[in-house]
Protein backbone atom coordinates (compact mmCIF):
# COMPACT_ATOMS: atom_id res chain seq x y z
CA MET A 1 91.71 108.62 120.39
CA HIS A 2 88.14 107.71 121.30
CA VAL A 3 86.53 104.26 121.07
CA GLN A 4 82.74 104.02 121.35
CA ALA A 5 81.04 100.63 121.61
CA ILE A 6 77.59 100.22 120.03
CA LYS A 7 74.92 98.04 121.62
CA THR A 8 72.79 95.97 119.27
CA HIS A 9 69.88 93.57 119.42
CA LEU A 10 70.64 89.88 119.93
CA ILE A 11 71.82 88.91 116.47
CA GLN A 12 70.50 85.69 114.97
CA SER A 13 71.83 83.37 112.30
CA GLY A 14 71.10 84.48 108.75
CA GLU A 15 70.60 88.19 109.43
CA LEU A 16 72.08 90.60 106.90
CA LEU A 17 75.07 92.54 108.17
CA GLU A 18 73.93 95.57 106.18
CA ASN A 19 70.57 95.54 107.98
CA ILE A 20 72.33 95.39 111.36
CA LEU A 21 74.46 98.40 110.45
CA ASP A 22 71.41 100.31 109.17
CA ARG A 23 69.60 99.62 112.43
CA HIS A 24 72.39 100.56 114.85
CA LEU A 25 74.90 102.77 113.05
CA PHE A 26 72.95 106.01 112.82
CA SER A 27 75.85 108.12 111.57
CA ILE A 28 79.58 107.89 111.06
CA SER A 29 82.08 110.66 110.42
CA GLU A 30 84.95 111.04 108.02
CA LYS A 31 88.24 109.45 109.06
CA THR A 32 86.75 107.06 111.58
CA ILE A 33 87.16 103.29 111.81
CA LEU A 34 84.19 100.94 112.17
CA VAL A 35 85.02 97.77 114.11
CA ILE A 36 82.91 94.62 113.83
CA THR A 37 83.53 91.53 115.92
CA SER A 38 84.09 88.43 113.82
CA LYS A 39 81.53 86.51 115.84
CA ILE A 40 78.55 88.33 114.35
CA ILE A 41 80.06 87.97 110.88
CA SER A 42 80.05 84.19 111.36
CA ILE A 43 76.55 84.19 112.85
CA CYS A 44 75.16 86.23 109.96
CA GLN A 45 76.88 83.89 107.51
CA GLY A 46 75.28 80.94 109.27
CA HIS A 47 78.78 79.60 109.84
CA ILE A 48 77.81 77.78 113.02
CA LEU A 49 77.25 74.15 113.99
CA PRO A 50 75.14 72.60 116.78
CA LYS A 51 77.36 71.17 119.49
CA ALA A 52 75.44 67.93 119.37
CA SER A 53 76.43 67.38 115.73
CA ILE A 54 80.21 67.07 116.17
CA SER A 55 82.90 67.06 118.84
CA LYS A 56 85.02 70.19 119.16
CA GLU A 57 88.21 68.20 118.60
CA ALA A 58 86.87 66.81 115.32
CA LEU A 59 85.67 70.25 114.27
CA ILE A 60 89.08 71.83 114.97
CA LYS A 61 90.76 69.16 112.86
CA GLN A 62 88.25 69.88 110.13
CA GLU A 63 88.68 73.67 110.19
CA ALA A 64 92.38 74.23 111.00
CA ASP A 65 95.02 74.64 108.31
CA ALA A 66 97.56 73.06 110.68
CA ILE A 67 97.60 71.90 114.31
CA ALA A 68 100.63 71.89 116.62
CA GLN A 69 101.22 68.44 118.08
CA MET A 70 100.90 68.50 121.88
CA ARG A 71 101.99 65.98 124.50
CA GLU A 72 99.21 67.04 126.86
CA ASN A 73 96.13 69.19 126.40
CA PRO A 74 94.57 69.86 129.82
CA TYR A 75 92.36 72.73 128.60
CA GLY A 76 91.10 71.17 125.38
CA ILE A 77 92.49 74.12 123.40
CA TYR A 78 94.65 73.48 120.37
CA LEU A 79 97.33 75.75 118.91
CA THR A 80 96.47 76.07 115.23
CA LEU A 81 97.15 77.97 112.03
CA LYS A 82 94.18 79.44 110.20
CA ASN A 83 94.50 81.84 107.25
CA ASN A 84 98.17 82.48 108.11
CA ILE A 85 97.29 83.44 111.70
CA LEU A 86 98.41 81.61 114.83
CA ILE A 87 95.13 81.25 116.68
CA PRO A 88 93.65 78.91 119.30
CA SER A 89 91.38 76.12 118.05
CA ALA A 90 91.08 77.41 114.46
CA GLY A 91 89.13 80.41 115.74
CA ILE A 92 86.17 78.24 116.84
CA ASP A 93 84.27 79.78 119.75
CA GLU A 94 81.63 78.54 122.15
CA SER A 95 80.97 81.68 124.19
CA ASN A 96 77.87 83.76 123.46
CA GLY A 97 76.43 81.01 121.30
CA ASP A 98 73.24 79.07 122.05
CA ASP A 99 74.61 75.51 122.18
CA VAL A 100 76.48 76.03 118.93
CA TYR A 101 80.09 76.29 117.82
CA ILE A 102 80.77 79.60 116.08
CA LEU A 103 83.33 79.08 113.35
CA TYR A 104 85.94 81.37 111.83
CA PRO A 105 84.23 83.67 109.29
CA LYS A 106 84.16 82.79 105.62
CA ASP A 107 85.84 85.01 102.99
CA ILE A 108 86.70 87.54 105.67
CA GLN A 109 88.80 90.01 103.67
CA ASN A 110 86.22 90.33 100.89
CA THR A 111 83.55 90.76 103.57
CA ALA A 112 85.50 93.68 105.03
CA ILE A 113 85.81 95.27 101.59
CA ALA A 114 82.10 94.81 100.85
CA LEU A 115 81.12 96.42 104.16
CA TRP A 116 83.57 99.27 103.53
CA ASN A 117 81.92 99.97 100.18
CA TYR A 118 78.44 99.74 101.69
CA VAL A 119 79.04 102.08 104.65
CA ARG A 120 80.88 104.67 102.55
CA GLN A 121 78.02 104.81 100.06
CA LYS A 122 75.28 104.70 102.70
CA HIS A 123 76.74 107.56 104.71
CA SER A 124 78.30 109.49 101.81
CA ILE A 125 81.81 109.57 103.26
CA GLU A 126 85.16 109.17 101.54
CA HIS A 127 87.62 108.20 104.28
CA LEU A 128 86.58 105.20 106.34
CA GLY A 129 88.31 102.27 107.96
CA ILE A 130 86.73 98.85 108.51
CA MET A 131 88.12 96.16 110.81
CA ILE A 132 86.82 92.69 111.64
CA THR A 133 88.28 91.63 114.98
CA ASP A 134 88.65 88.65 117.26
CA SER A 135 90.09 88.10 120.73
CA HIS A 136 93.59 86.71 120.83
CA THR A 137 96.21 85.44 123.24
CA THR A 138 99.85 86.43 123.81
CA PRO A 139 102.53 83.86 124.68
CA LEU A 140 103.40 83.82 128.39
CA ARG A 141 100.64 86.32 129.25
CA ARG A 142 97.24 85.60 130.80
CA GLY A 143 94.09 86.99 129.26
CA VAL A 144 93.05 88.02 125.77
CA THR A 145 93.64 91.15 123.74
CA GLY A 146 92.55 91.72 120.15
CA ILE A 147 93.57 90.93 116.59
CA ALA A 148 92.28 92.11 113.22
CA LEU A 149 91.22 89.30 110.90
CA GLY A 150 90.09 91.53 108.02
CA TRP A 151 90.37 95.23 107.21
CA CYS A 152 89.94 97.90 104.57
CA GLY A 153 90.36 101.64 104.11
CA PHE A 154 93.72 102.47 105.71
CA GLU A 155 97.34 101.42 105.74
CA PRO A 156 97.90 98.57 108.22
CA LEU A 157 101.41 99.51 109.36
CA TYR A 158 103.13 102.66 110.55
CA SER A 159 106.84 102.48 109.86
CA TYR A 160 109.60 104.13 111.88
CA VAL A 161 112.26 102.73 109.55
CA GLY A 162 114.67 105.52 108.62
CA LYS A 163 113.16 107.91 111.18
CA PRO A 164 115.38 109.26 113.99
CA ASP A 165 115.09 108.15 117.61
CA LEU A 166 115.61 110.44 120.61
CA TYR A 167 119.36 110.52 119.96
CA ASN A 168 119.00 111.08 116.20
CA LYS A 169 119.97 107.53 115.35
CA SER A 170 118.14 106.08 112.38
CA MET A 171 115.67 103.35 113.33
CA ARG A 172 116.10 100.12 111.35
CA ILE A 173 113.17 97.73 111.83
CA THR A 174 110.44 99.16 114.08
CA GLN A 175 106.91 99.25 112.70
CA ILE A 176 103.63 99.67 114.57
CA ASN A 177 100.99 97.07 113.78
CA LEU A 178 98.08 99.50 113.58
CA LEU A 179 95.52 96.77 112.90
CA ASP A 180 96.08 94.79 116.07
CA ALA A 181 96.75 97.89 118.21
CA LEU A 182 93.35 99.28 117.23
CA ALA A 183 91.73 95.85 117.50
CA THR A 184 92.94 95.54 121.09
CA SER A 185 91.44 98.92 121.99
CA ALA A 186 88.13 97.96 120.40
CA VAL A 187 87.99 94.49 121.98
CA LEU A 188 88.57 96.08 125.40
CA VAL A 189 85.59 98.39 124.94
CA MET A 190 83.29 95.86 123.24
CA GLY A 191 83.94 93.24 125.92
CA GLU A 192 83.88 89.46 125.98
CA GLY A 193 80.73 88.61 127.96
CA ASN A 194 77.11 89.70 127.89
CA GLU A 195 77.75 93.34 126.94
CA GLN A 196 76.03 92.80 123.54
CA THR A 197 78.21 95.46 121.91
CA PRO A 198 79.67 93.80 118.79
CA LEU A 199 80.31 97.10 117.02
CA ALA A 200 82.59 100.01 117.85
CA VAL A 201 83.66 103.25 116.24
CA ILE A 202 87.21 104.56 116.64
CA SER A 203 87.80 108.27 116.04
CA ASP A 204 90.90 110.47 116.17
CA ALA A 205 93.26 107.49 116.00
CA PRO A 206 96.88 108.61 115.53
CA LYS A 207 99.21 107.58 112.72
CA ILE A 208 96.41 106.48 110.38
CA SER A 209 96.74 106.99 106.63
CA PHE A 210 93.31 106.44 105.08
CA LEU A 211 92.90 104.95 101.62
CA THR A 212 90.06 105.58 99.18
CA ARG A 213 90.42 102.12 97.65
CA PRO A 214 90.61 98.54 98.91
CA PRO A 215 94.09 97.28 99.82
CA THR A 216 96.21 95.68 97.12
CA SER A 217 97.32 92.07 97.47
CA ALA A 218 100.78 93.34 98.45
CA GLU A 219 99.27 95.54 101.17
CA GLU A 220 97.21 92.61 102.48
CA GLN A 221 100.38 90.53 102.69
CA SER A 222 102.45 93.30 104.27
CA ILE A 223 101.06 92.61 107.74
CA LEU A 224 102.08 88.94 107.61
CA ILE A 225 105.53 87.49 108.28
CA PRO A 226 106.74 84.04 107.19
CA MET A 227 107.19 81.61 110.05
CA GLU A 228 110.90 81.19 109.36
CA GLU A 229 111.45 84.97 109.61
CA ASP A 230 109.40 85.44 112.76
CA LEU A 231 111.03 86.38 116.06
CA TYR A 232 109.43 83.24 117.50
CA ALA A 233 110.78 81.04 114.70
CA PRO A 234 112.79 78.82 117.12
CA LEU A 235 109.52 77.88 118.82
CA LEU A 236 107.26 77.79 115.77
CA MET A 237 109.68 75.92 113.53
CA GLY A 238 110.49 73.53 116.37
CA ALA A 239 106.86 72.43 116.66
CA THR A 240 105.46 69.49 114.74
CA TRP A 241 102.61 70.84 112.61
CA LEU A 242 99.99 68.31 111.62
CA LYS A 243 98.01 68.98 108.45
CA PRO A 244 94.45 67.73 108.95
């Protein structure tokens, strides 16, 4: 598998995503995956707010679907739910913004589908993956990895259920989350600081089944798991979730 980051100009609020891709994505091959960081999606959508206009705490309460009640908050970061994802501070970011808060993108799944249609038509290719990514944290581990917020063009999971292990025993529950595995690879290459590489192209990724249509509603839901069924249910269900 190969992941190539793409350097762009300094993207400004209100720019068209299609124009950015036309300017920096000179070519793309069949059966590759185009990765776009969610930050530039939000910036292009103008989904930003000046820091002087609102406190971050108030903005998180405004944007989050639910907030975990905390006894202490030494870092000013809240554990929240947003679009069925457990994410810090409702996905609001301050880094790489010019005195603005960069909010979680609007209509992210339909944005991924629209970009998938545009790039396929522009470059006359049939098999293409699109992912919109963000950085993410893992419980009890320092540092960030990656997560896919929106996607199109390939199946999101690779299932080992029913397949044999090394000792020919049938596997019962193991699935690979292809979206977040690929997102982590892309986030590593794109970086978190001043690299100015908000795009990446992944080629020769294993275990990918490309689709020539947008995902169905069932396929979009397949990557999600209800809180009560999650491995971390004792922690998640034990928290007090406040609905702003």
